[in-house]
Amino acid sequence: MTDLNRDVIATAIIEAVHRRGPDKTLCPSEVARALAPDTWRDLMGDIRAVATELASNGLITIRQGGVVQDPSLELKGPIRLGGPTAMPDA
């Protein structure tokens, strides 16, 4: 994990997903850019790892091609982060 700890990243992901809304998704790089504008690329591995953990716990979904993916699978290529299937009120 980089200088930003897991909780900071998890909070940023959850807040970004909630701000975006229940039927929308966001690119993980949006979270990385918000946390570290100059070194966001260095965060991408951590962002994906924390997003996978959050998805495994049902807090968000990970999508490819608009389809919710199983977070236990090793996903290759671009992903999008979205709200859980039934998004609770923020």
PDB file of N, CA and C in Angstrom:
ATOM      1  N   MET A   1       0.857  -1.176   0.000  1.00  0.00           N
ATOM      2  CA  MET A   1       0.000   0.000   0.000  1.00  0.00           C
ATOM      3  C   MET A   1       0.902   1.237   0.000  1.00  0.00           C
ATOM      4  N   THR A   2       0.496   2.248  -0.721  1.00  0.00           N
ATOM      5  CA  THR A   2       1.251   3.498  -0.808  1.00  0.00           C
ATOM      6  C   THR A   2       1.117   4.278   0.500  1.00  0.00           C
ATOM      7  N   ASP A   3       1.526   5.545   0.482  1.00  0.00           N
ATOM      8  CA  ASP A   3       1.437   6.386   1.675  1.00  0.00           C
ATOM      9  C   ASP A   3      -0.002   6.553   2.161  1.00  0.00           C
ATOM     10  N   LEU A   4      -0.955   6.472   1.254  1.00  0.00           N
ATOM     11  CA  LEU A   4      -2.358   6.549   1.654  1.00  0.00           C
ATOM     12  C   LEU A   4      -2.782   5.180   2.175  1.00  0.00           C
ATOM     13  N   ASN A   5      -3.402   5.158   3.343  1.00  0.00           N
ATOM     14  CA  ASN A   5      -3.771   3.851   3.881  1.00  0.00           C
ATOM     15  C   ASN A   5      -5.081   3.344   3.286  1.00  0.00           C
ATOM     16  N   ARG A   6      -5.358   2.115   3.565  1.00  0.00           N
ATOM     17  CA  ARG A   6      -6.521   1.430   3.010  1.00  0.00           C
ATOM     18  C   ARG A   6      -7.820   2.149   3.349  1.00  0.00           C
ATOM     19  N   ASP A   7      -7.944   2.641   4.575  1.00  0.00           N
ATOM     20  CA  ASP A   7      -9.186   3.300   4.987  1.00  0.00           C
ATOM     21  C   ASP A   7      -9.438   4.592   4.220  1.00  0.00           C
ATOM     22  N   VAL A   8      -8.387   5.356   3.949  1.00  0.00           N
ATOM     23  CA  VAL A   8      -8.523   6.599   3.179  1.00  0.00           C
ATOM     24  C   VAL A   8      -9.010   6.271   1.768  1.00  0.00           C
ATOM     25  N   ILE A   9      -8.418   5.252   1.164  1.00  0.00           N
ATOM     26  CA  ILE A   9      -8.806   4.852  -0.192  1.00  0.00           C
ATOM     27  C   ILE A   9     -10.240   4.321  -0.198  1.00  0.00           C
ATOM     28  N   ALA A  10     -10.573   3.473   0.774  1.00  0.00           N
ATOM     29  CA  ALA A  10     -11.924   2.906   0.843  1.00  0.00           C
ATOM     30  C   ALA A  10     -12.969   4.006   1.000  1.00  0.00           C
ATOM     31  N   THR A  11     -12.696   4.956   1.871  1.00  0.00           N
ATOM     32  CA  THR A  11     -13.631   6.066   2.073  1.00  0.00           C
ATOM     33  C   THR A  11     -13.799   6.870   0.795  1.00  0.00           C
ATOM     34  N   ALA A  12     -12.695   7.139   0.107  1.00  0.00           N
ATOM     35  CA  ALA A  12     -12.756   7.912  -1.139  1.00  0.00           C
ATOM     36  C   ALA A  12     -13.576   7.181  -2.201  1.00  0.00           C
ATOM     37  N   ILE A  13     -13.397   5.869  -2.313  1.00  0.00           N
ATOM     38  CA  ILE A  13     -14.159   5.085  -3.292  1.00  0.00           C
ATOM     39  C   ILE A  13     -15.651   5.116  -2.957  1.00  0.00           C
ATOM     40  N   ILE A  14     -15.988   4.828  -1.717  1.00  0.00           N
ATOM     41  CA  ILE A  14     -17.401   4.778  -1.318  1.00  0.00           C
ATOM     42  C   ILE A  14     -18.065   6.141  -1.506  1.00  0.00           C
ATOM     43  N   GLU A  15     -17.377   7.205  -1.099  1.00  0.00           N
ATOM     44  CA  GLU A  15     -17.947   8.548  -1.264  1.00  0.00           C
ATOM     45  C   GLU A  15     -18.142   8.895  -2.739  1.00  0.00           C
ATOM     46  N   ALA A  16     -17.167   8.540  -3.578  1.00  0.00           N
ATOM     47  CA  ALA A  16     -17.275   8.842  -5.009  1.00  0.00           C
ATOM     48  C   ALA A  16     -18.436   8.079  -5.645  1.00  0.00           C
ATOM     49  N   VAL A  17     -18.591   6.818  -5.278  1.00  0.00           N
ATOM     50  CA  VAL A  17     -19.690   6.006  -5.814  1.00  0.00           C
ATOM     51  C   VAL A  17     -21.038   6.591  -5.380  1.00  0.00           C
ATOM     52  N   HIS A  18     -21.146   6.978  -4.128  1.00  0.00           N
ATOM     53  CA  HIS A  18     -22.409   7.553  -3.638  1.00  0.00           C
ATOM     54  C   HIS A  18     -22.708   8.890  -4.303  1.00  0.00           C
ATOM     55  N   ARG A  19     -21.685   9.720  -4.491  1.00  0.00           N
ATOM     56  CA  ARG A  19     -21.896  11.007  -5.175  1.00  0.00           C
ATOM     57  C   ARG A  19     -22.371  10.795  -6.604  1.00  0.00           C
ATOM     58  N   ARG A  20     -21.844   9.771  -7.261  1.00  0.00           N
ATOM     59  CA  ARG A  20     -22.181   9.514  -8.657  1.00  0.00           C
ATOM     60  C   ARG A  20     -23.629   9.080  -8.804  1.00  0.00           C
ATOM     61  N   GLY A  21     -24.138   8.341  -7.830  1.00  0.00           N
ATOM     62  CA  GLY A  21     -25.539   7.928  -7.875  1.00  0.00           C
ATOM     63  C   GLY A  21     -25.697   6.448  -8.156  1.00  0.00           C
ATOM     64  N   PRO A  22     -26.903   5.929  -7.905  1.00  0.00           N
ATOM     65  CA  PRO A  22     -27.136   4.487  -7.953  1.00  0.00           C
ATOM     66  C   PRO A  22     -27.052   3.856  -9.341  1.00  0.00           C
ATOM     67  N   ASP A  23     -27.315   4.600 -10.380  1.00  0.00           N
ATOM     68  CA  ASP A  23     -27.324   4.007 -11.720  1.00  0.00           C
ATOM     69  C   ASP A  23     -26.114   4.395 -12.555  1.00  0.00           C
ATOM     70  N   LYS A  24     -25.114   4.976 -11.925  1.00  0.00           N
ATOM     71  CA  LYS A  24     -23.934   5.457 -12.652  1.00  0.00           C
ATOM     72  C   LYS A  24     -22.690   4.736 -12.141  1.00  0.00           C
ATOM     73  N   THR A  25     -21.648   4.772 -12.957  1.00  0.00           N
ATOM     74  CA  THR A  25     -20.372   4.185 -12.555  1.00  0.00           C
ATOM     75  C   THR A  25     -19.275   5.227 -12.719  1.00  0.00           C
ATOM     76  N   LEU A  26     -18.103   4.900 -12.192  1.00  0.00           N
ATOM     77  CA  LEU A  26     -16.953   5.780 -12.354  1.00  0.00           C
ATOM     78  C   LEU A  26     -15.711   4.951 -12.605  1.00  0.00           C
ATOM     79  N   CYS A  27     -14.740   5.584 -13.217  1.00  0.00           N
ATOM     80  CA  CYS A  27     -13.459   4.937 -13.464  1.00  0.00           C
ATOM     81  C   CYS A  27     -12.626   5.023 -12.185  1.00  0.00           C
ATOM     82  N   PRO A  28     -11.953   3.949 -11.803  1.00  0.00           N
ATOM     83  CA  PRO A  28     -11.115   3.997 -10.612  1.00  0.00           C
ATOM     84  C   PRO A  28     -10.071   5.121 -10.659  1.00  0.00           C
ATOM     85  N   SER A  29      -9.658   5.510 -11.856  1.00  0.00           N
ATOM     86  CA  SER A  29      -8.664   6.587 -11.958  1.00  0.00           C
ATOM     87  C   SER A  29      -9.215   7.913 -11.451  1.00  0.00           C
ATOM     88  N   GLU A  30     -10.543   8.084 -11.463  1.00  0.00           N
ATOM     89  CA  GLU A  30     -11.131   9.306 -10.914  1.00  0.00           C
ATOM     90  C   GLU A  30     -10.832   9.419  -9.422  1.00  0.00           C
ATOM     91  N   VAL A  31     -10.893   8.309  -8.718  1.00  0.00           N
ATOM     92  CA  VAL A  31     -10.583   8.297  -7.288  1.00  0.00           C
ATOM     93  C   VAL A  31      -9.094   8.553  -7.088  1.00  0.00           C
ATOM     94  N   ALA A  32      -8.270   7.886  -7.872  1.00  0.00           N
ATOM     95  CA  ALA A  32      -6.821   8.070  -7.754  1.00  0.00           C
ATOM     96  C   ALA A  32      -6.425   9.521  -8.020  1.00  0.00           C
ATOM     97  N   ARG A  33      -6.999  10.119  -9.043  1.00  0.00           N
ATOM     98  CA  ARG A  33      -6.686  11.520  -9.372  1.00  0.00           C
ATOM     99  C   ARG A  33      -7.128  12.472  -8.264  1.00  0.00           C
ATOM    100  N   ALA A  34      -8.251  12.175  -7.618  1.00  0.00           N
ATOM    101  CA  ALA A  34      -8.725  13.025  -6.519  1.00  0.00           C
ATOM    102  C   ALA A  34      -7.800  12.928  -5.302  1.00  0.00           C
ATOM    103  N   LEU A  35      -7.248  11.744  -5.068  1.00  0.00           N
ATOM    104  CA  LEU A  35      -6.380  11.540  -3.910  1.00  0.00           C
ATOM    105  C   LEU A  35      -4.951  12.011  -4.139  1.00  0.00           C
ATOM    106  N   ALA A  36      -4.451  11.866  -5.352  1.00  0.00           N
ATOM    107  CA  ALA A  36      -3.049  12.202  -5.646  1.00  0.00           C
ATOM    108  C   ALA A  36      -2.941  12.698  -7.082  1.00  0.00           C
ATOM    109  N   PRO A  37      -3.311  13.967  -7.329  1.00  0.00           N
ATOM    110  CA  PRO A  37      -3.362  14.484  -8.698  1.00  0.00           C
ATOM    111  C   PRO A  37      -2.066  14.316  -9.500  1.00  0.00           C
ATOM    112  N   ASP A  38      -0.926  14.421  -8.844  1.00  0.00           N
ATOM    113  CA  ASP A  38       0.346  14.350  -9.571  1.00  0.00           C
ATOM    114  C   ASP A  38       0.906  12.939  -9.687  1.00  0.00           C
ATOM    115  N   THR A  39       0.492  12.054  -8.811  1.00  0.00           N
ATOM    116  CA  THR A  39       1.046  10.691  -8.807  1.00  0.00           C
ATOM    117  C   THR A  39      -0.061   9.631  -8.801  1.00  0.00           C
ATOM    118  N   TRP A  40      -1.186   9.956  -9.426  1.00  0.00           N
ATOM    119  CA  TRP A  40      -2.349   9.073  -9.373  1.00  0.00           C
ATOM    120  C   TRP A  40      -2.085   7.689  -9.945  1.00  0.00           C
ATOM    121  N   ARG A  41      -1.229   7.603 -10.946  1.00  0.00           N
ATOM    122  CA  ARG A  41      -0.969   6.284 -11.558  1.00  0.00           C
ATOM    123  C   ARG A  41      -0.371   5.307 -10.542  1.00  0.00           C
ATOM    124  N   ASP A  42       0.424   5.846  -9.614  1.00  0.00           N
ATOM    125  CA  ASP A  42       1.032   4.992  -8.592  1.00  0.00           C
ATOM    126  C   ASP A  42      -0.014   4.368  -7.664  1.00  0.00           C
ATOM    127  N   LEU A  43      -1.178   4.957  -7.591  1.00  0.00           N
ATOM    128  CA  LEU A  43      -2.244   4.470  -6.709  1.00  0.00           C
ATOM    129  C   LEU A  43      -3.144   3.415  -7.340  1.00  0.00           C
ATOM    130  N   MET A  44      -3.058   3.239  -8.640  1.00  0.00           N
ATOM    131  CA  MET A  44      -4.050   2.407  -9.319  1.00  0.00           C
ATOM    132  C   MET A  44      -4.103   0.970  -8.796  1.00  0.00           C
ATOM    133  N   GLY A  45      -2.971   0.376  -8.494  1.00  0.00           N
ATOM    134  CA  GLY A  45      -2.975  -0.987  -7.944  1.00  0.00           C
ATOM    135  C   GLY A  45      -3.697  -1.049  -6.609  1.00  0.00           C
ATOM    136  N   ASP A  46      -3.431  -0.054  -5.757  1.00  0.00           N
ATOM    137  CA  ASP A  46      -4.092   0.004  -4.454  1.00  0.00           C
ATOM    138  C   ASP A  46      -5.586   0.270  -4.600  1.00  0.00           C
ATOM    139  N   ILE A  47      -5.943   1.157  -5.523  1.00  0.00           N
ATOM    140  CA  ILE A  47      -7.360   1.465  -5.750  1.00  0.00           C
ATOM    141  C   ILE A  47      -8.101   0.197  -6.172  1.00  0.00           C
ATOM    142  N   ARG A  48      -7.528  -0.542  -7.113  1.00  0.00           N
ATOM    143  CA  ARG A  48      -8.175  -1.778  -7.579  1.00  0.00           C
ATOM    144  C   ARG A  48      -8.269  -2.810  -6.457  1.00  0.00           C
ATOM    145  N   ALA A  49      -7.218  -2.923  -5.647  1.00  0.00           N
ATOM    146  CA  ALA A  49      -7.224  -3.895  -4.549  1.00  0.00           C
ATOM    147  C   ALA A  49      -8.298  -3.557  -3.517  1.00  0.00           C
ATOM    148  N   VAL A  50      -8.384  -2.292  -3.137  1.00  0.00           N
ATOM    149  CA  VAL A  50      -9.391  -1.882  -2.156  1.00  0.00           C
ATOM    150  C   VAL A  50     -10.793  -2.001  -2.756  1.00  0.00           C
ATOM    151  N   ALA A  51     -10.950  -1.649  -4.026  1.00  0.00           N
ATOM    152  CA  ALA A  51     -12.252  -1.786  -4.688  1.00  0.00           C
ATOM    153  C   ALA A  51     -12.696  -3.251  -4.698  1.00  0.00           C
ATOM    154  N   THR A  52     -11.778  -4.155  -4.934  1.00  0.00           N
ATOM    155  CA  THR A  52     -12.094  -5.584  -4.919  1.00  0.00           C
ATOM    156  C   THR A  52     -12.574  -6.011  -3.538  1.00  0.00           C
ATOM    157  N   GLU A  53     -11.893  -5.526  -2.510  1.00  0.00           N
ATOM    158  CA  GLU A  53     -12.295  -5.837  -1.136  1.00  0.00           C
ATOM    159  C   GLU A  53     -13.694  -5.284  -0.839  1.00  0.00           C
ATOM    160  N   LEU A  54     -13.930  -4.040  -1.238  1.00  0.00           N
ATOM    161  CA  LEU A  54     -15.246  -3.428  -1.011  1.00  0.00           C
ATOM    162  C   LEU A  54     -16.346  -4.183  -1.758  1.00  0.00           C
ATOM    163  N   ALA A  55     -16.055  -4.603  -2.978  1.00  0.00           N
ATOM    164  CA  ALA A  55     -17.034  -5.361  -3.766  1.00  0.00           C
ATOM    165  C   ALA A  55     -17.291  -6.730  -3.134  1.00  0.00           C
ATOM    166  N   SER A  56     -16.256  -7.351  -2.603  1.00  0.00           N
ATOM    167  CA  SER A  56     -16.422  -8.647  -1.938  1.00  0.00           C
ATOM    168  C   SER A  56     -17.332  -8.535  -0.721  1.00  0.00           C
ATOM    169  N   ASN A  57     -17.327  -7.347  -0.098  1.00  0.00           N
ATOM    170  CA  ASN A  57     -18.168  -7.102   1.076  1.00  0.00           C
ATOM    171  C   ASN A  57     -19.527  -6.511   0.712  1.00  0.00           C
ATOM    172  N   GLY A  58     -19.813  -6.387  -0.591  1.00  0.00           N
ATOM    173  CA  GLY A  58     -21.112  -5.907  -1.046  1.00  0.00           C
ATOM    174  C   GLY A  58     -21.326  -4.408  -0.942  1.00  0.00           C
ATOM    175  N   LEU A  59     -20.249  -3.645  -0.722  1.00  0.00           N
ATOM    176  CA  LEU A  59     -20.382  -2.195  -0.565  1.00  0.00           C
ATOM    177  C   LEU A  59     -20.399  -1.452  -1.889  1.00  0.00           C
ATOM    178  N   ILE A  60     -19.788  -2.025  -2.920  1.00  0.00           N
ATOM    179  CA  ILE A  60     -19.790  -1.470  -4.275  1.00  0.00           C
ATOM    180  C   ILE A  60     -19.876  -2.634  -5.250  1.00  0.00           C
ATOM    181  N   THR A  61     -19.983  -2.326  -6.533  1.00  0.00           N
ATOM    182  CA  THR A  61     -19.864  -3.356  -7.565  1.00  0.00           C
ATOM    183  C   THR A  61     -18.722  -2.981  -8.493  1.00  0.00           C
ATOM    184  N   ILE A  62     -18.124  -3.985  -9.080  1.00  0.00           N
ATOM    185  CA  ILE A  62     -17.112  -3.799 -10.116  1.00  0.00           C
ATOM    186  C   ILE A  62     -17.742  -4.285 -11.411  1.00  0.00           C
ATOM    187  N   ARG A  63     -17.658  -3.462 -12.436  1.00  0.00           N
ATOM    188  CA  ARG A  63     -18.313  -3.784 -13.711  1.00  0.00           C
ATOM    189  C   ARG A  63     -17.318  -3.721 -14.867  1.00  0.00           C
ATOM    190  N   GLN A  64     -17.582  -4.549 -15.846  1.00  0.00           N
ATOM    191  CA  GLN A  64     -16.885  -4.506 -17.131  1.00  0.00           C
ATOM    192  C   GLN A  64     -17.954  -4.640 -18.196  1.00  0.00           C
ATOM    193  N   GLY A  65     -17.927  -3.724 -19.143  1.00  0.00           N
ATOM    194  CA  GLY A  65     -18.934  -3.751 -20.198  1.00  0.00           C
ATOM    195  C   GLY A  65     -20.347  -3.627 -19.655  1.00  0.00           C
ATOM    196  N   GLY A  66     -20.502  -2.945 -18.528  1.00  0.00           N
ATOM    197  CA  GLY A  66     -21.812  -2.751 -17.927  1.00  0.00           C
ATOM    198  C   GLY A  66     -22.318  -3.929 -17.115  1.00  0.00           C
ATOM    199  N   VAL A  67     -21.539  -4.996 -17.047  1.00  0.00           N
ATOM    200  CA  VAL A  67     -21.951  -6.211 -16.348  1.00  0.00           C
ATOM    201  C   VAL A  67     -21.216  -6.304 -15.013  1.00  0.00           C
ATOM    202  N   VAL A  68     -21.968  -6.535 -13.937  1.00  0.00           N
ATOM    203  CA  VAL A  68     -21.362  -6.707 -12.617  1.00  0.00           C
ATOM    204  C   VAL A  68     -20.506  -7.971 -12.640  1.00  0.00           C
ATOM    205  N   GLN A  69     -19.279  -7.830 -12.151  1.00  0.00           N
ATOM    206  CA  GLN A  69     -18.329  -8.938 -12.155  1.00  0.00           C
ATOM    207  C   GLN A  69     -18.158  -9.521 -10.753  1.00  0.00           C
ATOM    208  N   ASP A  70     -17.776 -10.775 -10.707  1.00  0.00           N
ATOM    209  CA  ASP A  70     -17.466 -11.446  -9.450  1.00  0.00           C
ATOM    210  C   ASP A  70     -16.123 -10.904  -8.960  1.00  0.00           C
ATOM    211  N   PRO A  71     -16.075 -10.265  -7.783  1.00  0.00           N
ATOM    212  CA  PRO A  71     -14.816  -9.676  -7.324  1.00  0.00           C
ATOM    213  C   PRO A  71     -13.748 -10.706  -6.971  1.00  0.00           C
ATOM    214  N   SER A  72     -14.125 -11.979  -6.863  1.00  0.00           N
ATOM    215  CA  SER A  72     -13.121 -12.996  -6.563  1.00  0.00           C
ATOM    216  C   SER A  72     -12.307 -13.382  -7.800  1.00  0.00           C
ATOM    217  N   LEU A  73     -12.768 -12.953  -8.980  1.00  0.00           N
ATOM    218  CA  LEU A  73     -12.040 -13.242 -10.217  1.00  0.00           C
ATOM    219  C   LEU A  73     -10.961 -12.194 -10.443  1.00  0.00           C
ATOM    220  N   GLU A  74      -9.866 -12.594 -11.059  1.00  0.00           N
ATOM    221  CA  GLU A  74      -8.825 -11.635 -11.419  1.00  0.00           C
ATOM    222  C   GLU A  74      -9.250 -10.965 -12.724  1.00  0.00           C
ATOM    223  N   LEU A  75      -9.642  -9.717 -12.634  1.00  0.00           N
ATOM    224  CA  LEU A  75     -10.152  -9.001 -13.802  1.00  0.00           C
ATOM    225  C   LEU A  75      -9.023  -8.305 -14.542  1.00  0.00           C
ATOM    226  N   LYS A  76      -9.003  -8.462 -15.825  1.00  0.00           N
ATOM    227  CA  LYS A  76      -8.028  -7.799 -16.695  1.00  0.00           C
ATOM    228  C   LYS A  76      -8.737  -6.697 -17.458  1.00  0.00           C
ATOM    229  N   GLY A  77      -8.042  -5.627 -17.726  1.00  0.00           N
ATOM    230  CA  GLY A  77      -8.612  -4.557 -18.529  1.00  0.00           C
ATOM    231  C   GLY A  77      -9.376  -3.544 -17.702  1.00  0.00           C
ATOM    232  N   PRO A  78     -10.032  -2.620 -18.408  1.00  0.00           N
ATOM    233  CA  PRO A  78     -10.730  -1.530 -17.731  1.00  0.00           C
ATOM    234  C   PRO A  78     -11.918  -2.018 -16.899  1.00  0.00           C
ATOM    235  N   ILE A  79     -12.057  -1.410 -15.744  1.00  0.00           N
ATOM    236  CA  ILE A  79     -13.207  -1.686 -14.890  1.00  0.00           C
ATOM    237  C   ILE A  79     -13.885  -0.366 -14.536  1.00  0.00           C
ATOM    238  N   ARG A  80     -15.118  -0.463 -14.073  1.00  0.00           N
ATOM    239  CA  ARG A  80     -15.868   0.696 -13.571  1.00  0.00           C
ATOM    240  C   ARG A  80     -16.394   0.320 -12.190  1.00  0.00           C
ATOM    241  N   LEU A  81     -16.513   1.305 -11.345  1.00  0.00           N
ATOM    242  CA  LEU A  81     -17.014   1.088  -9.995  1.00  0.00           C
ATOM    243  C   LEU A  81     -18.408   1.680  -9.887  1.00  0.00           C
ATOM    244  N   GLY A  82     -19.301   0.933  -9.279  1.00  0.00           N
ATOM    245  CA  GLY A  82     -20.668   1.407  -9.118  1.00  0.00           C
ATOM    246  C   GLY A  82     -21.201   1.060  -7.750  1.00  0.00           C
ATOM    247  N   GLY A  83     -22.392   1.531  -7.500  1.00  0.00           N
ATOM    248  CA  GLY A  83     -23.043   1.239  -6.233  1.00  0.00           C
ATOM    249  C   GLY A  83     -23.405  -0.227  -6.138  1.00  0.00           C
ATOM    250  N   PRO A  84     -23.682  -0.674  -4.917  1.00  0.00           N
ATOM    251  CA  PRO A  84     -24.130  -2.055  -4.755  1.00  0.00           C
ATOM    252  C   PRO A  84     -25.467  -2.249  -5.460  1.00  0.00           C
ATOM    253  N   THR A  85     -25.856  -3.472  -5.634  1.00  0.00           N
ATOM    254  CA  THR A  85     -27.094  -3.772  -6.344  1.00  0.00           C
ATOM    255  C   THR A  85     -28.275  -3.021  -5.744  1.00  0.00           C
ATOM    256  N   ALA A  86     -28.367  -3.001  -4.437  1.00  0.00           N
ATOM    257  CA  ALA A  86     -29.386  -2.206  -3.749  1.00  0.00           C
ATOM    258  C   ALA A  86     -28.645  -1.178  -2.909  1.00  0.00           C
ATOM    259  N   MET A  87     -28.457   0.012  -3.454  1.00  0.00           N
ATOM    260  CA  MET A  87     -27.643   1.031  -2.802  1.00  0.00           C
ATOM    261  C   MET A  87     -28.400   1.654  -1.632  1.00  0.00           C
ATOM    262  N   PRO A  88     -27.815   1.588  -0.402  1.00  0.00           N
ATOM    263  CA  PRO A  88     -28.482   2.196   0.746  1.00  0.00           C
ATOM    264  C   PRO A  88     -28.419   3.716   0.662  1.00  0.00           C
ATOM    265  N   ASP A  89     -29.305   4.378   1.397  1.00  0.00           N
ATOM    266  CA  ASP A  89     -29.263   5.842   1.440  1.00  0.00           C
ATOM    267  C   ASP A  89     -27.956   6.292   2.068  1.00  0.00           C
ATOM    268  N   ALA A  90     -27.374   7.350   1.500  1.00  0.00           N
ATOM    269  CA  ALA A  90     -26.086   7.848   2.002  1.00  0.00           C
ATOM    270  C   ALA A  90     -26.285   8.677   3.249  1.00  0.00           C
TER     271      ALA A  90
END
